[in-house]
Amino acid sequence: MEALFARLERWLGPLLAALLAFITLGVFIQVVMRYLFAQSFLWGEELSLFAFIWCVYLGTAISSWRRTHFAFDLFSEVLSGRAAGVQRLVVDVCVLAVTLVMVVEGWKFSQLSLARMSPALGITLFVPTMAIPLSGALMLIVGLRDIARDLRSIWSGCTP
C-alpha cells in the first residue's frame, strides 16, 4: 500500500500544481478581461471554481497521507507507549468516521448532481462533486492504515 500511495502522490502532486497554475491564470485573465476590456467569459470563472474544488479535496487526501493535516496532539508530548497509541487510535477513529461520512454523503451529493448542469460550461455538476467521495475514499484507505499502525503500537507498547 505504501508503494501505491507513493505512485499516486507522484501523479497527484504535479496535477495539483497544474490545477493551481490554471486557477491563477484563469482568474488573472478574467480580471484583465473584465477591467481592461469590459468583457467577461463566465466559463473561465466556473472552470477555475471546479479546479479549485478538486485542488482542495485532492490536497486534503495528500495531506492525510503525509500526516500533515490538522491533528489533535494535546497529549502527544505527555503520553508514551500504549497510552500514546490509544490516544492516536481515538483520533484516527474520529477521522475515519468523518471520511466515511465524506464518502457516503459525497456520493449521494454527486448522484444528485448528475441531473444538474453548470450554467456556463454546460457540463454535469457530477464532475466537480465527485472530488468529495473520491478524496474521502483515499482518506479512508489512509485512515485504515493509520488505525492498523495504532493497533500495532498498542499491542507492542512502543511508540511508532
N, C-alpha and C. Protein backbone atom coordinates (compact mmCIF):
# COMPACT_ATOMS: atom_id res chain seq x y z
N MET A 1 0.82 -1.19 0.00
CA MET A 1 0.00 0.00 0.00
C MET A 1 0.87 1.26 0.00
N GLU A 2 2.00 1.19 0.66
CA GLU A 2 2.91 2.35 0.68
C GLU A 2 3.34 2.71 -0.74
N ALA A 3 3.66 1.70 -1.53
CA ALA A 3 4.11 1.96 -2.90
C ALA A 3 2.98 2.55 -3.75
N LEU A 4 1.76 2.07 -3.52
CA LEU A 4 0.61 2.59 -4.26
C LEU A 4 0.42 4.07 -3.98
N PHE A 5 0.47 4.46 -2.71
CA PHE A 5 0.29 5.86 -2.39
C PHE A 5 1.47 6.71 -2.82
N ALA A 6 2.66 6.15 -2.82
CA ALA A 6 3.81 6.90 -3.31
C ALA A 6 3.65 7.20 -4.80
N ARG A 7 3.19 6.21 -5.57
CA ARG A 7 2.94 6.43 -7.00
C ARG A 7 1.80 7.42 -7.21
N LEU A 8 0.76 7.28 -6.41
CA LEU A 8 -0.38 8.17 -6.51
C LEU A 8 0.02 9.61 -6.19
N GLU A 9 0.86 9.77 -5.19
CA GLU A 9 1.32 11.11 -4.82
C GLU A 9 2.22 11.71 -5.90
N ARG A 10 3.05 10.88 -6.53
CA ARG A 10 3.88 11.38 -7.63
C ARG A 10 3.03 11.85 -8.80
N TRP A 11 1.86 11.27 -8.96
CA TRP A 11 0.97 11.65 -10.04
C TRP A 11 0.10 12.84 -9.63
N LEU A 12 -0.38 12.83 -8.38
CA LEU A 12 -1.28 13.89 -7.93
C LEU A 12 -0.57 15.22 -7.67
N GLY A 13 0.67 15.17 -7.22
CA GLY A 13 1.41 16.39 -6.94
C GLY A 13 1.48 17.32 -8.15
N PRO A 14 1.99 16.83 -9.28
CA PRO A 14 2.01 17.68 -10.48
C PRO A 14 0.62 18.08 -10.97
N LEU A 15 -0.36 17.18 -10.80
CA LEU A 15 -1.73 17.52 -11.20
C LEU A 15 -2.26 18.69 -10.37
N LEU A 16 -2.01 18.65 -9.07
CA LEU A 16 -2.45 19.75 -8.21
C LEU A 16 -1.72 21.05 -8.55
N ALA A 17 -0.45 20.95 -8.84
CA ALA A 17 0.31 22.15 -9.24
C ALA A 17 -0.24 22.72 -10.54
N ALA A 18 -0.56 21.86 -11.49
CA ALA A 18 -1.13 22.33 -12.76
C ALA A 18 -2.50 22.96 -12.55
N LEU A 19 -3.32 22.35 -11.69
CA LEU A 19 -4.63 22.92 -11.41
C LEU A 19 -4.51 24.29 -10.74
N LEU A 20 -3.57 24.40 -9.82
CA LEU A 20 -3.36 25.68 -9.14
C LEU A 20 -2.86 26.75 -10.12
N ALA A 21 -1.96 26.37 -11.02
CA ALA A 21 -1.49 27.31 -12.04
C ALA A 21 -2.64 27.71 -12.96
N PHE A 22 -3.47 26.75 -13.31
CA PHE A 22 -4.63 27.03 -14.15
C PHE A 22 -5.59 27.99 -13.47
N ILE A 23 -5.85 27.79 -12.18
CA ILE A 23 -6.73 28.68 -11.43
C ILE A 23 -6.17 30.09 -11.43
N THR A 24 -4.89 30.21 -11.13
CA THR A 24 -4.25 31.52 -11.07
C THR A 24 -4.32 32.23 -12.42
N LEU A 25 -3.97 31.53 -13.46
CA LEU A 25 -4.00 32.11 -14.81
C LEU A 25 -5.43 32.45 -15.22
N GLY A 26 -6.36 31.55 -14.95
CA GLY A 26 -7.76 31.79 -15.32
C GLY A 26 -8.35 33.01 -14.62
N VAL A 27 -8.09 33.14 -13.34
CA VAL A 27 -8.61 34.29 -12.60
C VAL A 27 -7.92 35.57 -13.07
N PHE A 28 -6.63 35.50 -13.33
CA PHE A 28 -5.91 36.68 -13.83
C PHE A 28 -6.48 37.15 -15.16
N ILE A 29 -6.69 36.22 -16.07
CA ILE A 29 -7.25 36.58 -17.39
C ILE A 29 -8.65 37.13 -17.22
N GLN A 30 -9.42 36.54 -16.32
CA GLN A 30 -10.78 37.02 -16.07
C GLN A 30 -10.77 38.47 -15.57
N VAL A 31 -9.87 38.79 -14.65
CA VAL A 31 -9.77 40.15 -14.12
C VAL A 31 -9.33 41.12 -15.20
N VAL A 32 -8.33 40.75 -15.98
CA VAL A 32 -7.84 41.62 -17.05
C VAL A 32 -8.95 41.86 -18.08
N MET A 33 -9.64 40.81 -18.47
CA MET A 33 -10.72 40.96 -19.45
C MET A 33 -11.82 41.87 -18.92
N ARG A 34 -12.16 41.70 -17.67
CA ARG A 34 -13.27 42.47 -17.10
C ARG A 34 -12.92 43.94 -16.93
N TYR A 35 -11.73 44.23 -16.41
CA TYR A 35 -11.41 45.61 -16.08
C TYR A 35 -10.74 46.39 -17.21
N LEU A 36 -10.03 45.73 -18.07
CA LEU A 36 -9.37 46.45 -19.16
C LEU A 36 -10.20 46.47 -20.45
N PHE A 37 -10.95 45.41 -20.69
CA PHE A 37 -11.66 45.30 -21.95
C PHE A 37 -13.18 45.28 -21.79
N ALA A 38 -13.65 45.37 -20.55
CA ALA A 38 -15.10 45.34 -20.26
C ALA A 38 -15.78 44.13 -20.88
N GLN A 39 -15.06 43.05 -20.96
CA GLN A 39 -15.58 41.79 -21.48
C GLN A 39 -15.43 40.73 -20.38
N SER A 40 -16.24 39.72 -20.45
CA SER A 40 -16.15 38.65 -19.47
C SER A 40 -16.52 37.34 -20.12
N PHE A 41 -15.90 36.30 -19.69
CA PHE A 41 -16.31 34.97 -20.12
C PHE A 41 -16.58 34.15 -18.86
N LEU A 42 -17.83 33.78 -18.69
CA LEU A 42 -18.27 33.11 -17.47
C LEU A 42 -17.68 31.71 -17.31
N TRP A 43 -17.42 31.06 -18.43
CA TRP A 43 -16.93 29.70 -18.32
C TRP A 43 -15.57 29.64 -17.66
N GLY A 44 -14.76 30.69 -17.79
CA GLY A 44 -13.44 30.70 -17.15
C GLY A 44 -13.55 30.73 -15.65
N GLU A 45 -14.49 31.52 -15.16
CA GLU A 45 -14.71 31.59 -13.71
C GLU A 45 -15.21 30.26 -13.18
N GLU A 46 -16.13 29.66 -13.89
CA GLU A 46 -16.69 28.39 -13.47
C GLU A 46 -15.64 27.27 -13.51
N LEU A 47 -14.84 27.26 -14.55
CA LEU A 47 -13.79 26.26 -14.67
C LEU A 47 -12.75 26.42 -13.57
N SER A 48 -12.42 27.66 -13.22
CA SER A 48 -11.50 27.90 -12.11
C SER A 48 -12.08 27.41 -10.79
N LEU A 49 -13.37 27.61 -10.60
CA LEU A 49 -14.03 27.13 -9.39
C LEU A 49 -13.98 25.61 -9.31
N PHE A 50 -14.25 24.93 -10.42
CA PHE A 50 -14.20 23.46 -10.43
C PHE A 50 -12.78 22.96 -10.15
N ALA A 51 -11.79 23.62 -10.72
CA ALA A 51 -10.39 23.23 -10.48
C ALA A 51 -10.04 23.45 -9.01
N PHE A 52 -10.55 24.53 -8.42
CA PHE A 52 -10.30 24.80 -7.01
C PHE A 52 -10.90 23.71 -6.13
N ILE A 53 -12.10 23.29 -6.45
CA ILE A 53 -12.75 22.22 -5.67
C ILE A 53 -11.89 20.96 -5.70
N TRP A 54 -11.41 20.58 -6.88
CA TRP A 54 -10.57 19.39 -6.99
C TRP A 54 -9.25 19.57 -6.23
N CYS A 55 -8.67 20.77 -6.29
CA CYS A 55 -7.43 21.04 -5.56
C CYS A 55 -7.62 20.86 -4.07
N VAL A 56 -8.69 21.41 -3.55
CA VAL A 56 -8.93 21.33 -2.11
C VAL A 56 -9.09 19.88 -1.66
N TYR A 57 -9.93 19.14 -2.34
CA TYR A 57 -10.21 17.77 -1.88
C TYR A 57 -9.05 16.82 -2.13
N LEU A 58 -8.40 16.90 -3.28
CA LEU A 58 -7.25 16.03 -3.52
C LEU A 58 -6.07 16.42 -2.64
N GLY A 59 -5.91 17.71 -2.38
CA GLY A 59 -4.87 18.17 -1.46
C GLY A 59 -5.11 17.66 -0.04
N THR A 60 -6.37 17.58 0.35
CA THR A 60 -6.70 17.02 1.65
C THR A 60 -6.31 15.55 1.74
N ALA A 61 -6.54 14.81 0.68
CA ALA A 61 -6.16 13.40 0.67
C ALA A 61 -4.64 13.24 0.77
N ILE A 62 -3.90 14.08 0.06
CA ILE A 62 -2.44 14.00 0.11
C ILE A 62 -1.93 14.39 1.50
N SER A 63 -2.50 15.44 2.08
CA SER A 63 -2.03 15.84 3.41
C SER A 63 -2.39 14.80 4.45
N SER A 64 -3.48 14.08 4.24
CA SER A 64 -3.82 12.98 5.14
C SER A 64 -2.78 11.87 5.04
N TRP A 65 -2.35 11.57 3.82
CA TRP A 65 -1.33 10.56 3.60
C TRP A 65 -0.01 10.96 4.25
N ARG A 66 0.36 12.23 4.09
CA ARG A 66 1.63 12.72 4.65
C ARG A 66 1.55 12.99 6.14
N ARG A 67 0.36 12.92 6.69
CA ARG A 67 0.09 13.22 8.11
C ARG A 67 0.46 14.68 8.43
N THR A 68 0.15 15.57 7.50
CA THR A 68 0.38 16.99 7.73
C THR A 68 -0.94 17.73 7.93
N HIS A 69 -2.03 16.97 8.01
CA HIS A 69 -3.32 17.59 8.22
C HIS A 69 -3.49 17.97 9.70
N PHE A 70 -4.54 18.66 9.97
CA PHE A 70 -4.87 19.05 11.34
C PHE A 70 -4.98 17.80 12.19
N ALA A 71 -4.36 17.82 13.35
CA ALA A 71 -4.42 16.65 14.23
C ALA A 71 -4.56 17.11 15.67
N PHE A 72 -5.12 16.24 16.45
CA PHE A 72 -5.24 16.51 17.88
C PHE A 72 -4.02 15.93 18.56
N ASP A 73 -3.15 16.78 19.02
CA ASP A 73 -1.94 16.29 19.68
C ASP A 73 -1.80 16.89 21.07
N LEU A 74 -2.94 17.06 21.71
CA LEU A 74 -2.96 17.68 23.03
C LEU A 74 -2.09 16.92 24.03
N PHE A 75 -2.14 15.59 23.96
CA PHE A 75 -1.41 14.78 24.93
C PHE A 75 -0.19 14.10 24.34
N SER A 76 0.16 14.40 23.11
CA SER A 76 1.23 13.65 22.45
C SER A 76 2.58 13.80 23.13
N GLU A 77 2.84 14.95 23.74
CA GLU A 77 4.12 15.14 24.42
C GLU A 77 4.14 14.53 25.81
N VAL A 78 2.97 14.31 26.38
CA VAL A 78 2.88 13.79 27.75
C VAL A 78 2.81 12.26 27.74
N LEU A 79 2.11 11.70 26.77
CA LEU A 79 1.88 10.25 26.73
C LEU A 79 2.99 9.54 25.97
N SER A 80 3.20 8.29 26.34
CA SER A 80 4.15 7.46 25.61
C SER A 80 3.67 6.02 25.65
N GLY A 81 4.26 5.20 24.83
CA GLY A 81 3.93 3.78 24.82
C GLY A 81 2.49 3.51 24.42
N ARG A 82 1.85 2.62 25.18
CA ARG A 82 0.47 2.23 24.86
C ARG A 82 -0.51 3.38 25.00
N ALA A 83 -0.30 4.25 25.97
CA ALA A 83 -1.21 5.39 26.16
C ALA A 83 -1.18 6.31 24.93
N ALA A 84 -0.02 6.55 24.39
CA ALA A 84 0.09 7.38 23.19
C ALA A 84 -0.58 6.68 22.01
N GLY A 85 -0.44 5.37 21.93
CA GLY A 85 -1.10 4.61 20.86
C GLY A 85 -2.61 4.68 20.97
N VAL A 86 -3.13 4.60 22.20
CA VAL A 86 -4.58 4.70 22.40
C VAL A 86 -5.08 6.09 22.01
N GLN A 87 -4.32 7.11 22.40
CA GLN A 87 -4.71 8.48 22.05
C GLN A 87 -4.75 8.65 20.54
N ARG A 88 -3.74 8.16 19.83
CA ARG A 88 -3.72 8.25 18.37
C ARG A 88 -4.86 7.44 17.76
N LEU A 89 -5.15 6.28 18.36
CA LEU A 89 -6.23 5.44 17.86
C LEU A 89 -7.57 6.17 17.96
N VAL A 90 -7.82 6.83 19.08
CA VAL A 90 -9.07 7.58 19.23
C VAL A 90 -9.18 8.67 18.17
N VAL A 91 -8.10 9.40 17.96
CA VAL A 91 -8.10 10.45 16.95
C VAL A 91 -8.32 9.86 15.56
N ASP A 92 -7.62 8.79 15.24
CA ASP A 92 -7.74 8.20 13.91
C ASP A 92 -9.11 7.58 13.66
N VAL A 93 -9.74 7.05 14.70
CA VAL A 93 -11.11 6.53 14.54
C VAL A 93 -12.07 7.69 14.27
N CYS A 94 -11.88 8.82 14.94
CA CYS A 94 -12.71 10.01 14.67
C CYS A 94 -12.52 10.49 13.23
N VAL A 95 -11.28 10.53 12.77
CA VAL A 95 -11.01 10.94 11.39
C VAL A 95 -11.63 9.95 10.42
N LEU A 96 -11.55 8.67 10.72
CA LEU A 96 -12.14 7.65 9.87
C LEU A 96 -13.66 7.83 9.78
N ALA A 97 -14.29 8.16 10.89
CA ALA A 97 -15.74 8.40 10.87
C ALA A 97 -16.09 9.56 9.95
N VAL A 98 -15.30 10.62 10.00
CA VAL A 98 -15.56 11.77 9.13
C VAL A 98 -15.36 11.39 7.67
N THR A 99 -14.32 10.60 7.38
CA THR A 99 -14.10 10.21 5.99
C THR A 99 -15.20 9.28 5.48
N LEU A 100 -15.75 8.46 6.37
CA LEU A 100 -16.89 7.63 5.96
C LEU A 100 -18.08 8.50 5.58
N VAL A 101 -18.32 9.55 6.35
CA VAL A 101 -19.39 10.49 6.01
C VAL A 101 -19.09 11.16 4.67
N MET A 102 -17.82 11.53 4.45
CA MET A 102 -17.45 12.15 3.17
C MET A 102 -17.75 11.22 2.00
N VAL A 103 -17.41 9.95 2.15
CA VAL A 103 -17.61 9.00 1.06
C VAL A 103 -19.10 8.80 0.80
N VAL A 104 -19.85 8.48 1.85
CA VAL A 104 -21.27 8.15 1.68
C VAL A 104 -22.07 9.37 1.24
N GLU A 105 -21.97 10.45 2.00
CA GLU A 105 -22.76 11.64 1.68
C GLU A 105 -22.24 12.34 0.42
N GLY A 106 -20.92 12.29 0.20
CA GLY A 106 -20.37 12.86 -1.02
C GLY A 106 -20.87 12.13 -2.25
N TRP A 107 -20.99 10.80 -2.16
CA TRP A 107 -21.51 10.02 -3.27
C TRP A 107 -22.98 10.37 -3.52
N LYS A 108 -23.76 10.49 -2.45
CA LYS A 108 -25.17 10.87 -2.60
C LYS A 108 -25.28 12.25 -3.25
N PHE A 109 -24.45 13.17 -2.80
CA PHE A 109 -24.45 14.52 -3.36
C PHE A 109 -24.06 14.49 -4.83
N SER A 110 -23.08 13.68 -5.17
CA SER A 110 -22.67 13.56 -6.58
C SER A 110 -23.79 12.98 -7.43
N GLN A 111 -24.49 12.00 -6.88
CA GLN A 111 -25.61 11.41 -7.61
C GLN A 111 -26.71 12.44 -7.88
N LEU A 112 -26.98 13.29 -6.87
CA LEU A 112 -27.97 14.35 -7.06
C LEU A 112 -27.51 15.35 -8.12
N SER A 113 -26.21 15.51 -8.25
CA SER A 113 -25.65 16.48 -9.19
C SER A 113 -25.63 15.99 -10.62
N LEU A 114 -25.90 14.72 -10.83
CA LEU A 114 -25.89 14.18 -12.20
C LEU A 114 -26.88 14.90 -13.11
N ALA A 115 -28.02 15.23 -12.59
CA ALA A 115 -29.06 15.83 -13.41
C ALA A 115 -28.90 17.35 -13.55
N ARG A 116 -28.05 17.95 -12.73
CA ARG A 116 -27.87 19.40 -12.77
C ARG A 116 -26.70 19.75 -13.69
N MET A 117 -26.90 20.80 -14.46
CA MET A 117 -25.86 21.23 -15.38
C MET A 117 -25.28 22.56 -14.91
N SER A 118 -23.99 22.74 -15.15
CA SER A 118 -23.38 24.03 -14.82
C SER A 118 -23.85 25.06 -15.85
N PRO A 119 -24.13 26.27 -15.40
CA PRO A 119 -24.70 27.26 -16.32
C PRO A 119 -23.77 27.68 -17.46
N ALA A 120 -22.50 27.88 -17.16
CA ALA A 120 -21.59 28.42 -18.19
C ALA A 120 -20.98 27.32 -19.06
N LEU A 121 -20.52 26.24 -18.45
CA LEU A 121 -19.84 25.19 -19.21
C LEU A 121 -20.82 24.19 -19.82
N GLY A 122 -21.97 24.04 -19.20
CA GLY A 122 -22.94 23.10 -19.71
C GLY A 122 -22.60 21.65 -19.44
N ILE A 123 -21.72 21.40 -18.45
CA ILE A 123 -21.40 20.03 -18.09
C ILE A 123 -22.16 19.67 -16.81
N THR A 124 -22.29 18.39 -16.56
CA THR A 124 -22.98 17.95 -15.36
C THR A 124 -22.16 18.32 -14.12
N LEU A 125 -22.84 18.68 -13.06
CA LEU A 125 -22.15 19.04 -11.82
C LEU A 125 -21.59 17.81 -11.10
N PHE A 126 -21.78 16.65 -11.71
CA PHE A 126 -21.18 15.42 -11.19
C PHE A 126 -19.66 15.52 -11.22
N VAL A 127 -19.13 16.21 -12.22
CA VAL A 127 -17.68 16.32 -12.39
C VAL A 127 -17.02 17.00 -11.19
N PRO A 128 -17.45 18.19 -10.77
CA PRO A 128 -16.78 18.78 -9.61
C PRO A 128 -17.12 18.10 -8.29
N THR A 129 -18.34 17.58 -8.15
CA THR A 129 -18.72 16.99 -6.86
C THR A 129 -18.12 15.61 -6.64
N MET A 130 -17.65 14.95 -7.66
CA MET A 130 -17.01 13.64 -7.48
C MET A 130 -15.70 13.74 -6.71
N ALA A 131 -15.16 14.94 -6.60
CA ALA A 131 -13.94 15.12 -5.81
C ALA A 131 -14.17 14.76 -4.35
N ILE A 132 -15.38 14.95 -3.85
CA ILE A 132 -15.67 14.70 -2.43
C ILE A 132 -15.57 13.20 -2.11
N PRO A 133 -16.36 12.33 -2.76
CA PRO A 133 -16.23 10.91 -2.40
C PRO A 133 -14.89 10.29 -2.80
N LEU A 134 -14.29 10.79 -3.87
CA LEU A 134 -13.00 10.24 -4.29
C LEU A 134 -11.92 10.53 -3.25
N SER A 135 -11.83 11.77 -2.82
CA SER A 135 -10.83 12.09 -1.79
C SER A 135 -11.18 11.42 -0.48
N GLY A 136 -12.47 11.31 -0.18
CA GLY A 136 -12.88 10.59 1.02
C GLY A 136 -12.45 9.13 0.98
N ALA A 137 -12.56 8.50 -0.18
CA ALA A 137 -12.13 7.10 -0.31
C ALA A 137 -10.63 6.97 -0.10
N LEU A 138 -9.87 7.91 -0.66
CA LEU A 138 -8.41 7.88 -0.45
C LEU A 138 -8.08 8.08 1.03
N MET A 139 -8.77 9.02 1.66
CA MET A 139 -8.53 9.27 3.09
C MET A 139 -8.98 8.08 3.94
N LEU A 140 -10.01 7.37 3.50
CA LEU A 140 -10.48 6.18 4.20
C LEU A 140 -9.40 5.11 4.21
N ILE A 141 -8.75 4.90 3.08
CA ILE A 141 -7.67 3.92 3.00
C ILE A 141 -6.52 4.33 3.92
N VAL A 142 -6.19 5.62 3.90
CA VAL A 142 -5.12 6.13 4.78
C VAL A 142 -5.51 5.95 6.24
N GLY A 143 -6.78 6.23 6.56
CA GLY A 143 -7.25 6.07 7.93
C GLY A 143 -7.16 4.63 8.41
N LEU A 144 -7.50 3.69 7.55
CA LEU A 144 -7.37 2.28 7.92
C LEU A 144 -5.92 1.90 8.15
N ARG A 145 -5.03 2.44 7.33
CA ARG A 145 -3.60 2.20 7.53
C ARG A 145 -3.14 2.75 8.88
N ASP A 146 -3.60 3.96 9.20
CA ASP A 146 -3.21 4.59 10.46
C ASP A 146 -3.76 3.82 11.66
N ILE A 147 -4.98 3.32 11.56
CA ILE A 147 -5.56 2.55 12.66
C ILE A 147 -4.80 1.24 12.84
N ALA A 148 -4.41 0.60 11.75
CA ALA A 148 -3.61 -0.62 11.86
C ALA A 148 -2.28 -0.32 12.54
N ARG A 149 -1.66 0.81 12.20
CA ARG A 149 -0.41 1.22 12.84
C ARG A 149 -0.63 1.48 14.33
N ASP A 150 -1.74 2.13 14.67
CA ASP A 150 -2.04 2.40 16.07
C ASP A 150 -2.23 1.12 16.86
N LEU A 151 -2.94 0.16 16.27
CA LEU A 151 -3.17 -1.11 16.97
C LEU A 151 -1.86 -1.86 17.18
N ARG A 152 -0.98 -1.83 16.18
CA ARG A 152 0.34 -2.46 16.36
C ARG A 152 1.11 -1.78 17.47
N SER A 153 1.01 -0.46 17.55
CA SER A 153 1.69 0.30 18.58
C SER A 153 1.15 -0.04 19.97
N ILE A 154 -0.15 -0.16 20.07
CA ILE A 154 -0.75 -0.51 21.37
C ILE A 154 -0.35 -1.93 21.75
N TRP A 155 -0.39 -2.82 20.82
CA TRP A 155 -0.04 -4.23 21.08
C TRP A 155 1.40 -4.37 21.54
N SER A 156 2.31 -3.68 20.86
CA SER A 156 3.73 -3.82 21.20
C SER A 156 4.14 -2.92 22.35
N GLY A 157 3.37 -1.86 22.61
CA GLY A 157 3.72 -0.93 23.68
C GLY A 157 4.77 0.08 23.27
N CYS A 158 5.11 0.11 21.99
CA CYS A 158 6.13 1.04 21.51
C CYS A 158 5.47 2.18 20.74
N THR A 159 6.08 3.34 20.79
CA THR A 159 5.62 4.48 20.01
C THR A 159 6.25 4.38 18.62
N PRO A 160 5.40 4.45 17.55
CA PRO A 160 5.98 4.34 16.21
C PRO A 160 6.79 5.56 15.82
